[in-house]
Every structure is written in structure tokens, then in C-alpha cells.
Amino acid sequence: MSAKKQGGGFQSAAGLIRYFDEEEAKGPIFDHRFIIIFGIACLVVIEIAKWQWPV
């Protein structure tokens, strides 16, 4: 019974390691400062639009 538990744990961990290795290789990488500045810029544009065209 203990042999089955060891085999299952290793197989599960190996799948997670493969998943995270593939995840790191794909997709764009942005600096955290860019994300914050982009969010603030969007907020400013939205506030100016609300001021210019009130509903």
C-alpha cells in the first residue's frame, strides 16, 4: 500500500513541474512598473472622458 502512495505523489509532482516549465516559456513578460503606469494612464483617460462627455 505504501508503494502506491509513493508512486502517485511522484507522478503528481512531475506533472506540476512540467506544467510550470511550459508556462514560463510562453507569453509576454511585462515589468510591474509598466502595469501600474498603464493602469493609472487608463484611469486618467477615463476620468477626462467622463468630464468631457457627461452622461
PDB file of N, CA and C in Angstrom:
ATOM      1  N   MET A   1       0.820  -1.193   0.000  1.00  0.00           N
ATOM      2  CA  MET A   1       0.000   0.000   0.000  1.00  0.00           C
ATOM      3  C   MET A   1       0.868   1.263   0.000  1.00  0.00           C
ATOM      4  N   SER A   2       1.990   1.226   0.716  1.00  0.00           N
ATOM      5  CA  SER A   2       2.859   2.404   0.738  1.00  0.00           C
ATOM      6  C   SER A   2       3.543   2.619  -0.616  1.00  0.00           C
ATOM      7  N   ALA A   3       3.755   1.551  -1.374  1.00  0.00           N
ATOM      8  CA  ALA A   3       4.375   1.687  -2.696  1.00  0.00           C
ATOM      9  C   ALA A   3       3.469   2.474  -3.632  1.00  0.00           C
ATOM     10  N   LYS A   4       2.161   2.292  -3.533  1.00  0.00           N
ATOM     11  CA  LYS A   4       1.233   3.041  -4.369  1.00  0.00           C
ATOM     12  C   LYS A   4       1.232   4.514  -4.013  1.00  0.00           C
ATOM     13  N   LYS A   5       1.347   4.837  -2.747  1.00  0.00           N
ATOM     14  CA  LYS A   5       1.342   6.238  -2.331  1.00  0.00           C
ATOM     15  C   LYS A   5       2.585   6.961  -2.856  1.00  0.00           C
ATOM     16  N   GLN A   6       3.739   6.315  -2.816  1.00  0.00           N
ATOM     17  CA  GLN A   6       4.954   6.964  -3.303  1.00  0.00           C
ATOM     18  C   GLN A   6       4.874   7.203  -4.806  1.00  0.00           C
ATOM     19  N   GLY A   7       4.389   6.243  -5.551  1.00  0.00           N
ATOM     20  CA  GLY A   7       4.290   6.380  -7.000  1.00  0.00           C
ATOM     21  C   GLY A   7       3.317   7.481  -7.392  1.00  0.00           C
ATOM     22  N   GLY A   8       2.194   7.603  -6.700  1.00  0.00           N
ATOM     23  CA  GLY A   8       1.207   8.624  -7.025  1.00  0.00           C
ATOM     24  C   GLY A   8       1.712  10.027  -6.729  1.00  0.00           C
ATOM     25  N   GLY A   9       2.420  10.196  -5.642  1.00  0.00           N
ATOM     26  CA  GLY A   9       2.937  11.511  -5.288  1.00  0.00           C
ATOM     27  C   GLY A   9       3.980  12.001  -6.272  1.00  0.00           C
ATOM     28  N   PHE A  10       4.835  11.106  -6.690  1.00  0.00           N
ATOM     29  CA  PHE A  10       5.876  11.499  -7.635  1.00  0.00           C
ATOM     30  C   PHE A  10       5.276  11.858  -8.992  1.00  0.00           C
ATOM     31  N   GLN A  11       4.298  11.085  -9.416  1.00  0.00           N
ATOM     32  CA  GLN A  11       3.673  11.349 -10.706  1.00  0.00           C
ATOM     33  C   GLN A  11       2.952  12.696 -10.680  1.00  0.00           C
ATOM     34  N   SER A  12       2.281  13.010  -9.587  1.00  0.00           N
ATOM     35  CA  SER A  12       1.585  14.287  -9.483  1.00  0.00           C
ATOM     36  C   SER A  12       2.577  15.442  -9.505  1.00  0.00           C
ATOM     37  N   ALA A  13       3.654  15.319  -8.774  1.00  0.00           N
ATOM     38  CA  ALA A  13       4.648  16.385  -8.727  1.00  0.00           C
ATOM     39  C   ALA A  13       5.311  16.572 -10.084  1.00  0.00           C
ATOM     40  N   ALA A  14       5.567  15.492 -10.778  1.00  0.00           N
ATOM     41  CA  ALA A  14       6.216  15.594 -12.088  1.00  0.00           C
ATOM     42  C   ALA A  14       5.316  16.338 -13.068  1.00  0.00           C
ATOM     43  N   GLY A  15       4.018  16.108 -13.007  1.00  0.00           N
ATOM     44  CA  GLY A  15       3.095  16.817 -13.885  1.00  0.00           C
ATOM     45  C   GLY A  15       3.075  18.305 -13.603  1.00  0.00           C
ATOM     46  N   LEU A  16       3.113  18.683 -12.331  1.00  0.00           N
ATOM     47  CA  LEU A  16       3.122  20.105 -11.974  1.00  0.00           C
ATOM     48  C   LEU A  16       4.408  20.776 -12.437  1.00  0.00           C
ATOM     49  N   ILE A  17       5.519  20.090 -12.291  1.00  0.00           N
ATOM     50  CA  ILE A  17       6.791  20.673 -12.723  1.00  0.00           C
ATOM     51  C   ILE A  17       6.774  20.892 -14.233  1.00  0.00           C
ATOM     52  N   ARG A  18       6.268  19.925 -14.995  1.00  0.00           N
ATOM     53  CA  ARG A  18       6.164  20.080 -16.442  1.00  0.00           C
ATOM     54  C   ARG A  18       5.256  21.247 -16.790  1.00  0.00           C
ATOM     55  N   TYR A  19       4.135  21.380 -16.088  1.00  0.00           N
ATOM     56  CA  TYR A  19       3.185  22.457 -16.369  1.00  0.00           C
ATOM     57  C   TYR A  19       3.831  23.820 -16.136  1.00  0.00           C
ATOM     58  N   PHE A  20       4.517  24.012 -15.026  1.00  0.00           N
ATOM     59  CA  PHE A  20       5.120  25.306 -14.727  1.00  0.00           C
ATOM     60  C   PHE A  20       6.300  25.604 -15.643  1.00  0.00           C
ATOM     61  N   ASP A  21       7.040  24.604 -16.069  1.00  0.00           N
ATOM     62  CA  ASP A  21       8.125  24.839 -17.017  1.00  0.00           C
ATOM     63  C   ASP A  21       7.582  25.351 -18.340  1.00  0.00           C
ATOM     64  N   GLU A  22       6.490  24.784 -18.817  1.00  0.00           N
ATOM     65  CA  GLU A  22       5.895  25.240 -20.071  1.00  0.00           C
ATOM     66  C   GLU A  22       5.270  26.613 -19.915  1.00  0.00           C
ATOM     67  N   GLU A  23       4.709  26.899 -18.759  1.00  0.00           N
ATOM     68  CA  GLU A  23       4.046  28.177 -18.532  1.00  0.00           C
ATOM     69  C   GLU A  23       5.054  29.333 -18.570  1.00  0.00           C
ATOM     70  N   GLU A  24       6.248  29.128 -18.081  1.00  0.00           N
ATOM     71  CA  GLU A  24       7.258  30.184 -18.058  1.00  0.00           C
ATOM     72  C   GLU A  24       7.749  30.535 -19.463  1.00  0.00           C
ATOM     73  N   ALA A  25       7.741  29.601 -20.365  1.00  0.00           N
ATOM     74  CA  ALA A  25       8.326  29.818 -21.684  1.00  0.00           C
ATOM     75  C   ALA A  25       7.413  30.632 -22.606  1.00  0.00           C
ATOM     76  N   LYS A  26       6.107  30.709 -22.321  1.00  0.00           N
ATOM     77  CA  LYS A  26       5.174  31.355 -23.230  1.00  0.00           C
ATOM     78  C   LYS A  26       4.638  32.644 -22.631  1.00  0.00           C
ATOM     79  N   GLY A  27       4.206  33.524 -23.515  1.00  0.00           N
ATOM     80  CA  GLY A  27       3.523  34.736 -23.080  1.00  0.00           C
ATOM     81  C   GLY A  27       4.470  35.910 -22.917  1.00  0.00           C
ATOM     82  N   PRO A  28       3.910  37.121 -23.022  1.00  0.00           N
ATOM     83  CA  PRO A  28       4.736  38.315 -22.869  1.00  0.00           C
ATOM     84  C   PRO A  28       5.101  38.548 -21.405  1.00  0.00           C
ATOM     85  N   ILE A  29       6.243  39.172 -21.210  1.00  0.00           N
ATOM     86  CA  ILE A  29       6.696  39.496 -19.856  1.00  0.00           C
ATOM     87  C   ILE A  29       6.728  41.011 -19.726  1.00  0.00           C
ATOM     88  N   PHE A  30       5.965  41.539 -18.775  1.00  0.00           N
ATOM     89  CA  PHE A  30       5.896  42.972 -18.547  1.00  0.00           C
ATOM     90  C   PHE A  30       6.496  43.305 -17.189  1.00  0.00           C
ATOM     91  N   ASP A  31       7.141  44.448 -17.132  1.00  0.00           N
ATOM     92  CA  ASP A  31       7.662  44.955 -15.878  1.00  0.00           C
ATOM     93  C   ASP A  31       6.498  45.434 -15.018  1.00  0.00           C
ATOM     94  N   HIS A  32       6.575  45.248 -13.706  1.00  0.00           N
ATOM     95  CA  HIS A  32       5.466  45.627 -12.840  1.00  0.00           C
ATOM     96  C   HIS A  32       5.209  47.133 -12.867  1.00  0.00           C
ATOM     97  N   ARG A  33       6.238  47.923 -13.103  1.00  0.00           N
ATOM     98  CA  ARG A  33       6.042  49.380 -13.183  1.00  0.00           C
ATOM     99  C   ARG A  33       5.217  49.757 -14.412  1.00  0.00           C
ATOM    100  N   PHE A  34       5.405  49.045 -15.517  1.00  0.00           N
ATOM    101  CA  PHE A  34       4.627  49.292 -16.726  1.00  0.00           C
ATOM    102  C   PHE A  34       3.141  49.045 -16.473  1.00  0.00           C
ATOM    103  N   ILE A  35       2.829  47.986 -15.784  1.00  0.00           N
ATOM    104  CA  ILE A  35       1.430  47.651 -15.496  1.00  0.00           C
ATOM    105  C   ILE A  35       0.793  48.737 -14.633  1.00  0.00           C
ATOM    106  N   ILE A  36       1.501  49.216 -13.624  1.00  0.00           N
ATOM    107  CA  ILE A  36       0.966  50.265 -12.743  1.00  0.00           C
ATOM    108  C   ILE A  36       0.777  51.564 -13.519  1.00  0.00           C
ATOM    109  N   ILE A  37       1.761  51.964 -14.312  1.00  0.00           N
ATOM    110  CA  ILE A  37       1.665  53.207 -15.096  1.00  0.00           C
ATOM    111  C   ILE A  37       0.545  53.092 -16.125  1.00  0.00           C
ATOM    112  N   PHE A  38       0.399  51.935 -16.766  1.00  0.00           N
ATOM    113  CA  PHE A  38      -0.666  51.736 -17.736  1.00  0.00           C
ATOM    114  C   PHE A  38      -2.038  51.841 -17.074  1.00  0.00           C
ATOM    115  N   GLY A  39      -2.175  51.294 -15.894  1.00  0.00           N
ATOM    116  CA  GLY A  39      -3.437  51.382 -15.158  1.00  0.00           C
ATOM    117  C   GLY A  39      -3.776  52.809 -14.787  1.00  0.00           C
ATOM    118  N   ILE A  40      -2.794  53.562 -14.321  1.00  0.00           N
ATOM    119  CA  ILE A  40      -3.017  54.967 -13.961  1.00  0.00           C
ATOM    120  C   ILE A  40      -3.359  55.787 -15.204  1.00  0.00           C
ATOM    121  N   ALA A  41      -2.682  55.527 -16.317  1.00  0.00           N
ATOM    122  CA  ALA A  41      -2.973  56.245 -17.564  1.00  0.00           C
ATOM    123  C   ALA A  41      -4.402  55.955 -18.039  1.00  0.00           C
ATOM    124  N   CYS A  42      -4.837  54.715 -17.947  1.00  0.00           N
ATOM    125  CA  CYS A  42      -6.217  54.380 -18.314  1.00  0.00           C
ATOM    126  C   CYS A  42      -7.203  55.106 -17.412  1.00  0.00           C
ATOM    127  N   LEU A  43      -6.923  55.165 -16.139  1.00  0.00           N
ATOM    128  CA  LEU A  43      -7.787  55.871 -15.193  1.00  0.00           C
ATOM    129  C   LEU A  43      -7.894  57.350 -15.550  1.00  0.00           C
ATOM    130  N   VAL A  44      -6.781  57.981 -15.886  1.00  0.00           N
ATOM    131  CA  VAL A  44      -6.778  59.396 -16.252  1.00  0.00           C
ATOM    132  C   VAL A  44      -7.593  59.617 -17.526  1.00  0.00           C
ATOM    133  N   VAL A  45      -7.410  58.758 -18.522  1.00  0.00           N
ATOM    134  CA  VAL A  45      -8.159  58.896 -19.774  1.00  0.00           C
ATOM    135  C   VAL A  45      -9.654  58.743 -19.523  1.00  0.00           C
ATOM    136  N   ILE A  46     -10.049  57.805 -18.701  1.00  0.00           N
ATOM    137  CA  ILE A  46     -11.464  57.599 -18.401  1.00  0.00           C
ATOM    138  C   ILE A  46     -12.043  58.794 -17.654  1.00  0.00           C
ATOM    139  N   GLU A  47     -11.311  59.331 -16.702  1.00  0.00           N
ATOM    140  CA  GLU A  47     -11.804  60.486 -15.948  1.00  0.00           C
ATOM    141  C   GLU A  47     -11.928  61.713 -16.848  1.00  0.00           C
ATOM    142  N   ILE A  48     -10.990  61.920 -17.754  1.00  0.00           N
ATOM    143  CA  ILE A  48     -11.085  63.051 -18.691  1.00  0.00           C
ATOM    144  C   ILE A  48     -12.281  62.853 -19.622  1.00  0.00           C
ATOM    145  N   ALA A  49     -12.509  61.621 -20.077  1.00  0.00           N
ATOM    146  CA  ALA A  49     -13.655  61.344 -20.949  1.00  0.00           C
ATOM    147  C   ALA A  49     -14.965  61.599 -20.205  1.00  0.00           C
ATOM    148  N   LYS A  50     -15.039  61.212 -18.941  1.00  0.00           N
ATOM    149  CA  LYS A  50     -16.262  61.466 -18.165  1.00  0.00           C
ATOM    150  C   LYS A  50     -16.477  62.964 -17.967  1.00  0.00           C
ATOM    151  N   TRP A  51     -15.417  63.719 -17.832  1.00  0.00           N
ATOM    152  CA  TRP A  51     -15.523  65.169 -17.642  1.00  0.00           C
ATOM    153  C   TRP A  51     -15.930  65.852 -18.957  1.00  0.00           C
ATOM    154  N   GLN A  52     -15.381  65.376 -20.077  1.00  0.00           N
ATOM    155  CA  GLN A  52     -15.673  65.956 -21.379  1.00  0.00           C
ATOM    156  C   GLN A  52     -17.093  65.633 -21.858  1.00  0.00           C
ATOM    157  N   TRP A  53     -17.514  64.394 -21.661  1.00  0.00           N
ATOM    158  CA  TRP A  53     -18.815  63.949 -22.148  1.00  0.00           C
ATOM    159  C   TRP A  53     -19.644  63.400 -20.982  1.00  0.00           C
ATOM    160  N   PRO A  54     -20.231  64.295 -20.203  1.00  0.00           N
ATOM    161  CA  PRO A  54     -21.043  63.806 -19.067  1.00  0.00           C
ATOM    162  C   PRO A  54     -22.308  63.085 -19.559  1.00  0.00           C
ATOM    163  N   VAL A  55     -22.704  62.097 -18.837  1.00  0.00           N
ATOM    164  CA  VAL A  55     -23.886  61.321 -19.228  1.00  0.00           C
ATOM    165  C   VAL A  55     -25.051  61.696 -18.344  1.00  0.00           C
TER     166      VAL A  55
END
